[in-house]
């Protein structure tokens, strides 16, 4: 895991090894990040990356718990 901050932005980056949905029995290195904009000591905005899983491509984190 890596955490970087500059000004009002904070980024958390991770690497994980997950089953490859396109190649059963194999894994792929997946990277994920969360980027936050901090305002008055609280999270004001949040961005993140999209997973490789086809199920995640249709996932709306604003209304669903998980893909």
Protein backbone atom coordinates (compact mmCIF):
# COMPACT_ATOMS: atom_id res chain seq x y z
CA UNK A 1 0.00 0.00 0.00
CA UNK A 2 1.17 3.51 -0.73
CA UNK A 3 -0.25 6.75 0.63
CA UNK A 4 0.62 10.11 -0.92
CA UNK A 5 -0.65 13.57 -0.10
CA UNK A 6 -0.19 16.98 -1.65
CA UNK A 7 -2.20 20.04 -0.76
CA UNK A 8 -5.80 18.98 -0.21
CA UNK A 9 -5.46 15.67 -2.12
CA UNK A 10 -4.69 12.26 -0.59
CA UNK A 11 -4.20 9.09 -2.66
CA UNK A 12 -4.14 5.52 -1.38
CA UNK A 13 -2.86 2.89 -3.87
CA UNK A 14 -2.87 -0.89 -3.43
CA UNK A 15 -1.91 -3.98 -5.46
CA UNK A 16 -3.78 -7.27 -5.13
CA UNK A 17 -3.64 -10.60 -6.94
CA UNK A 18 -7.08 -11.77 -7.98
CA UNK A 19 -8.50 -14.63 -10.09
CA UNK A 20 -8.47 -13.58 -13.74
CA UNK A 21 -12.07 -13.62 -15.04
CA UNK A 22 -10.77 -14.16 -18.59
CA UNK A 23 -8.27 -16.95 -17.72
CA UNK A 24 -9.66 -19.45 -15.20
CA UNK A 25 -7.01 -20.85 -12.86
CA UNK A 26 -4.73 -17.83 -13.30
CA UNK A 27 -4.39 -14.62 -11.37
CA UNK A 28 -3.64 -11.08 -12.41
CA UNK A 29 -2.10 -8.19 -10.52
CA UNK A 30 -4.79 -5.63 -9.96
CA UNK A 31 -4.13 -2.10 -8.87
CA UNK A 32 -6.63 0.06 -7.12
CA UNK A 33 -6.56 3.65 -5.98
CA UNK A 34 -8.72 5.96 -3.96
CA UNK A 35 -8.22 9.69 -4.33
CA UNK A 36 -9.71 12.03 -1.76
CA UNK A 37 -10.06 15.79 -1.64
CA UNK A 38 -10.03 17.04 1.92
CA UNK A 39 -11.86 20.19 2.98
CA UNK A 40 -12.01 21.46 6.57
CA UNK A 41 -10.58 18.14 7.81
CA UNK A 42 -13.27 16.01 6.13
CA UNK A 43 -13.56 14.12 2.84
CA UNK A 44 -15.22 16.47 0.34
CA UNK A 45 -14.78 14.33 -2.81
CA UNK A 46 -13.72 10.78 -3.65
CA UNK A 47 -12.60 9.06 -6.87
CA UNK A 48 -11.45 5.48 -7.47
CA UNK A 49 -10.55 3.05 -10.24
CA UNK A 50 -12.74 0.43 -11.94
CA UNK A 51 -12.02 -3.27 -11.42
CA UNK A 52 -11.26 -5.69 -14.29
CA UNK A 53 -14.23 -7.89 -13.37
CA UNK A 54 -17.03 -7.60 -15.97
CA UNK A 55 -19.54 -7.52 -13.09
CA UNK A 56 -17.89 -4.38 -11.75
CA UNK A 57 -18.31 -2.53 -15.03
CA UNK A 58 -22.05 -2.31 -14.34
CA UNK A 59 -21.67 -1.64 -10.62
CA UNK A 60 -22.83 1.69 -9.22
CA UNK A 61 -21.20 2.13 -5.79
CA UNK A 62 -23.62 4.93 -5.02
CA UNK A 63 -26.61 2.57 -4.90
CA UNK A 64 -25.20 -0.98 -4.55
CA UNK A 65 -23.10 -2.68 -1.86
CA UNK A 66 -20.87 -4.77 -4.17
CA UNK A 67 -20.59 -6.04 -7.76
